[in-house]
Amino acid sequence: MSATRAVPIYSANDIDKTVAWYRDVLGAEVTQSFEQEGKLVGAAVRYGSVEFWFSQDDFAKGKDRNKGEGFRLILETEKNIDELAAGIKERGGELTMEPTDQEWGARIFALADPDGFKISFSTPMAGE
């Protein structure tokens, strides 16, 4: 088997709120939106070549489930992690982990989206 691309699709409790958070707090570009009967039901956002998709949850499995439990997405970047984290905090984001050097040679910070999906931003440390 061979794959050339992976696109995570998250279900959102409130897709308008979720897409706004990715756009306004994380700085993603909204590249597609899907509507049914005038309501947003799906969207795609992009950071460089990385794309995420969202769909409005139909709540068939309940409204109170923890969607992000047991899952973390790591976005690797060449950008300055401390500057990225500061910008996210300035735009209203709350970090669950401040920028920290890791023993495996990366500097990372972490946060969770409005639906509890965990995201870490990582960059190799200088000289690693």
C-alpha atoms as a PDB file:
ATOM      1  CA  MET A   1       0.000   0.000   0.000  1.00  0.00           C
ATOM      2  CA  SER A   2       1.065   3.563  -0.630  1.00  0.00           C
ATOM      3  CA  ALA A   3      -0.589   6.819   0.400  1.00  0.00           C
ATOM      4  CA  THR A   4       0.203  10.349  -0.694  1.00  0.00           C
ATOM      5  CA  ARG A   5      -2.090  12.361   1.556  1.00  0.00           C
ATOM      6  CA  ALA A   6      -4.061  12.122   4.796  1.00  0.00           C
ATOM      7  CA  VAL A   7      -6.898  14.499   5.655  1.00  0.00           C
ATOM      8  CA  PRO A   8      -8.391  14.361   9.144  1.00  0.00           C
ATOM      9  CA  ILE A   9     -12.130  15.062   9.307  1.00  0.00           C
ATOM     10  CA  TYR A  10     -13.481  16.250  12.648  1.00  0.00           C
ATOM     11  CA  SER A  11     -17.105  16.408  13.681  1.00  0.00           C
ATOM     12  CA  ALA A  12     -17.967  19.725  15.315  1.00  0.00           C
ATOM     13  CA  ASN A  13     -20.649  20.531  17.852  1.00  0.00           C
ATOM     14  CA  ASP A  14     -21.031  23.993  16.317  1.00  0.00           C
ATOM     15  CA  ILE A  15     -19.313  24.072  12.936  1.00  0.00           C
ATOM     16  CA  ASP A  16     -19.566  27.859  12.585  1.00  0.00           C
ATOM     17  CA  LYS A  17     -17.762  28.320  15.923  1.00  0.00           C
ATOM     18  CA  THR A  18     -15.163  25.660  15.101  1.00  0.00           C
ATOM     19  CA  VAL A  19     -14.324  27.058  11.660  1.00  0.00           C
ATOM     20  CA  ALA A  20     -14.116  30.588  13.100  1.00  0.00           C
ATOM     21  CA  TRP A  21     -11.705  29.342  15.799  1.00  0.00           C
ATOM     22  CA  TYR A  22      -9.388  27.673  13.279  1.00  0.00           C
ATOM     23  CA  ARG A  23      -9.515  30.764  11.046  1.00  0.00           C
ATOM     24  CA  ASP A  24      -9.342  33.527  13.662  1.00  0.00           C
ATOM     25  CA  VAL A  25      -7.282  31.953  16.461  1.00  0.00           C
ATOM     26  CA  LEU A  26      -4.981  29.575  14.576  1.00  0.00           C
ATOM     27  CA  GLY A  27      -4.815  31.604  11.370  1.00  0.00           C
ATOM     28  CA  ALA A  28      -5.968  28.863   8.983  1.00  0.00           C
ATOM     29  CA  GLU A  29      -7.200  29.643   5.492  1.00  0.00           C
ATOM     30  CA  VAL A  30     -10.765  28.444   4.881  1.00  0.00           C
ATOM     31  CA  THR A  31     -10.535  26.773   1.467  1.00  0.00           C
ATOM     32  CA  GLN A  32     -13.967  25.177   1.079  1.00  0.00           C
ATOM     33  CA  SER A  33     -17.385  25.316   2.656  1.00  0.00           C
ATOM     34  CA  PHE A  34     -20.371  23.052   2.163  1.00  0.00           C
ATOM     35  CA  GLU A  35     -23.946  24.099   2.810  1.00  0.00           C
ATOM     36  CA  GLN A  36     -27.295  22.347   2.913  1.00  0.00           C
ATOM     37  CA  GLU A  37     -30.476  24.389   2.955  1.00  0.00           C
ATOM     38  CA  GLY A  38     -28.468  27.543   3.652  1.00  0.00           C
ATOM     39  CA  LYS A  39     -26.617  26.129   6.679  1.00  0.00           C
ATOM     40  CA  LEU A  40     -22.916  25.372   6.907  1.00  0.00           C
ATOM     41  CA  VAL A  41     -22.497  21.588   7.268  1.00  0.00           C
ATOM     42  CA  GLY A  42     -18.853  21.145   6.269  1.00  0.00           C
ATOM     43  CA  ALA A  43     -15.659  23.095   5.716  1.00  0.00           C
ATOM     44  CA  ALA A  44     -11.974  22.676   4.948  1.00  0.00           C
ATOM     45  CA  VAL A  45      -9.126  24.759   6.348  1.00  0.00           C
ATOM     46  CA  ARG A  46      -5.478  24.773   5.352  1.00  0.00           C
ATOM     47  CA  TYR A  47      -2.058  25.624   6.784  1.00  0.00           C
ATOM     48  CA  GLY A  48       0.405  25.486   3.918  1.00  0.00           C
ATOM     49  CA  SER A  49       0.030  21.968   2.500  1.00  0.00           C
ATOM     50  CA  VAL A  50      -1.816  20.588   5.573  1.00  0.00           C
ATOM     51  CA  GLU A  51      -5.593  20.429   5.345  1.00  0.00           C
ATOM     52  CA  PHE A  52      -8.302  19.679   7.940  1.00  0.00           C
ATOM     53  CA  TRP A  53     -11.973  19.094   7.208  1.00  0.00           C
ATOM     54  CA  PHE A  54     -14.927  19.578   9.529  1.00  0.00           C
ATOM     55  CA  SER A  55     -18.489  18.343   9.471  1.00  0.00           C
ATOM     56  CA  GLN A  56     -21.430  19.343  11.618  1.00  0.00           C
ATOM     57  CA  ASP A  57     -22.072  16.571  14.160  1.00  0.00           C
ATOM     58  CA  ASP A  58     -25.511  14.995  13.868  1.00  0.00           C
ATOM     59  CA  PHE A  59     -25.309  14.042  17.595  1.00  0.00           C
ATOM     60  CA  ALA A  60     -26.438  10.468  16.843  1.00  0.00           C
ATOM     61  CA  LYS A  61     -23.862   9.320  19.428  1.00  0.00           C
ATOM     62  CA  GLY A  62     -24.891  11.975  21.972  1.00  0.00           C
ATOM     63  CA  LYS A  63     -23.947  15.599  22.553  1.00  0.00           C
ATOM     64  CA  ASP A  64     -21.837  15.116  25.662  1.00  0.00           C
ATOM     65  CA  ARG A  65     -19.166  12.723  24.407  1.00  0.00           C
ATOM     66  CA  ASN A  66     -15.525  13.776  24.598  1.00  0.00           C
ATOM     67  CA  LYS A  67     -14.575  13.885  20.928  1.00  0.00           C
ATOM     68  CA  GLY A  68     -10.865  14.529  21.287  1.00  0.00           C
ATOM     69  CA  GLU A  69     -10.042  11.855  23.868  1.00  0.00           C
ATOM     70  CA  GLY A  70      -7.167   9.613  22.832  1.00  0.00           C
ATOM     71  CA  PHE A  71      -6.218  11.625  19.744  1.00  0.00           C
ATOM     72  CA  ARG A  72      -3.603  14.303  19.106  1.00  0.00           C
ATOM     73  CA  LEU A  73      -2.590  15.935  15.846  1.00  0.00           C
ATOM     74  CA  ILE A  74       0.988  17.224  15.591  1.00  0.00           C
ATOM     75  CA  LEU A  75       1.685  19.979  13.090  1.00  0.00           C
ATOM     76  CA  GLU A  76       5.358  20.349  12.277  1.00  0.00           C
ATOM     77  CA  THR A  77       6.496  23.790  11.223  1.00  0.00           C
ATOM     78  CA  GLU A  78       9.646  25.719  10.473  1.00  0.00           C
ATOM     79  CA  LYS A  79       8.133  28.813  12.090  1.00  0.00           C
ATOM     80  CA  ASN A  80       9.272  30.107  15.483  1.00  0.00           C
ATOM     81  CA  ILE A  81       7.220  28.155  18.047  1.00  0.00           C
ATOM     82  CA  ASP A  82       7.343  30.895  20.668  1.00  0.00           C
ATOM     83  CA  GLU A  83       6.057  33.505  18.202  1.00  0.00           C
ATOM     84  CA  LEU A  84       3.291  31.151  17.002  1.00  0.00           C
ATOM     85  CA  ALA A  85       2.192  30.464  20.572  1.00  0.00           C
ATOM     86  CA  ALA A  86       2.221  34.171  21.466  1.00  0.00           C
ATOM     87  CA  GLY A  87       0.109  35.029  18.401  1.00  0.00           C
ATOM     88  CA  ILE A  88      -2.431  32.324  19.216  1.00  0.00           C
ATOM     89  CA  LYS A  89      -2.710  33.603  22.797  1.00  0.00           C
ATOM     90  CA  GLU A  90      -3.116  37.195  21.530  1.00  0.00           C
ATOM     91  CA  ARG A  91      -6.030  36.013  19.356  1.00  0.00           C
ATOM     92  CA  GLY A  92      -7.786  34.345  22.299  1.00  0.00           C
ATOM     93  CA  GLY A  93      -6.370  30.831  22.189  1.00  0.00           C
ATOM     94  CA  GLU A  94      -5.573  29.024  25.426  1.00  0.00           C
ATOM     95  CA  LEU A  95      -2.531  26.773  25.466  1.00  0.00           C
ATOM     96  CA  THR A  96      -2.625  23.518  27.380  1.00  0.00           C
ATOM     97  CA  MET A  97       1.181  23.442  27.286  1.00  0.00           C
ATOM     98  CA  GLU A  98       3.477  26.445  26.861  1.00  0.00           C
ATOM     99  CA  PRO A  99       6.397  26.173  24.403  1.00  0.00           C
ATOM    100  CA  THR A 100       8.745  23.560  25.833  1.00  0.00           C
ATOM    101  CA  ASP A 101      11.970  21.912  24.683  1.00  0.00           C
ATOM    102  CA  GLN A 102      11.586  18.146  24.423  1.00  0.00           C
ATOM    103  CA  GLU A 103      14.368  15.614  25.007  1.00  0.00           C
ATOM    104  CA  TRP A 104      13.906  14.216  21.488  1.00  0.00           C
ATOM    105  CA  GLY A 105      15.039  17.521  19.946  1.00  0.00           C
ATOM    106  CA  ALA A 106      11.801  19.386  19.288  1.00  0.00           C
ATOM    107  CA  ARG A 107      10.228  22.508  20.766  1.00  0.00           C
ATOM    108  CA  ILE A 108       6.444  22.197  21.063  1.00  0.00           C
ATOM    109  CA  PHE A 109       3.316  23.762  22.499  1.00  0.00           C
ATOM    110  CA  ALA A 110      -0.186  22.371  22.725  1.00  0.00           C
ATOM    111  CA  LEU A 111      -3.824  23.428  22.803  1.00  0.00           C
ATOM    112  CA  ALA A 112      -7.288  21.992  22.249  1.00  0.00           C
ATOM    113  CA  ASP A 113      -9.920  23.159  19.772  1.00  0.00           C
ATOM    114  CA  PRO A 114     -13.502  24.029  20.804  1.00  0.00           C
ATOM    115  CA  ASP A 115     -14.538  20.359  20.509  1.00  0.00           C
ATOM    116  CA  GLY A 116     -11.627  19.021  22.572  1.00  0.00           C
ATOM    117  CA  PHE A 117      -9.407  17.809  19.726  1.00  0.00           C
ATOM    118  CA  LYS A 118      -5.777  18.169  20.818  1.00  0.00           C
ATOM    119  CA  ILE A 119      -3.221  19.880  18.601  1.00  0.00           C
ATOM    120  CA  SER A 120       0.516  20.287  19.126  1.00  0.00           C
ATOM    121  CA  PHE A 121       2.779  22.535  17.072  1.00  0.00           C
ATOM    122  CA  SER A 122       6.358  21.293  16.806  1.00  0.00           C
ATOM    123  CA  THR A 123       9.624  22.447  15.304  1.00  0.00           C
ATOM    124  CA  PRO A 124      13.128  20.930  15.448  1.00  0.00           C
ATOM    125  CA  MET A 125      15.388  22.685  17.924  1.00  0.00           C
ATOM    126  CA  ALA A 126      18.422  24.485  16.550  1.00  0.00           C
ATOM    127  CA  GLY A 127      21.366  22.166  16.135  1.00  0.00           C
ATOM    128  CA  GLU A 128      19.258  19.017  16.369  1.00  0.00           C
END
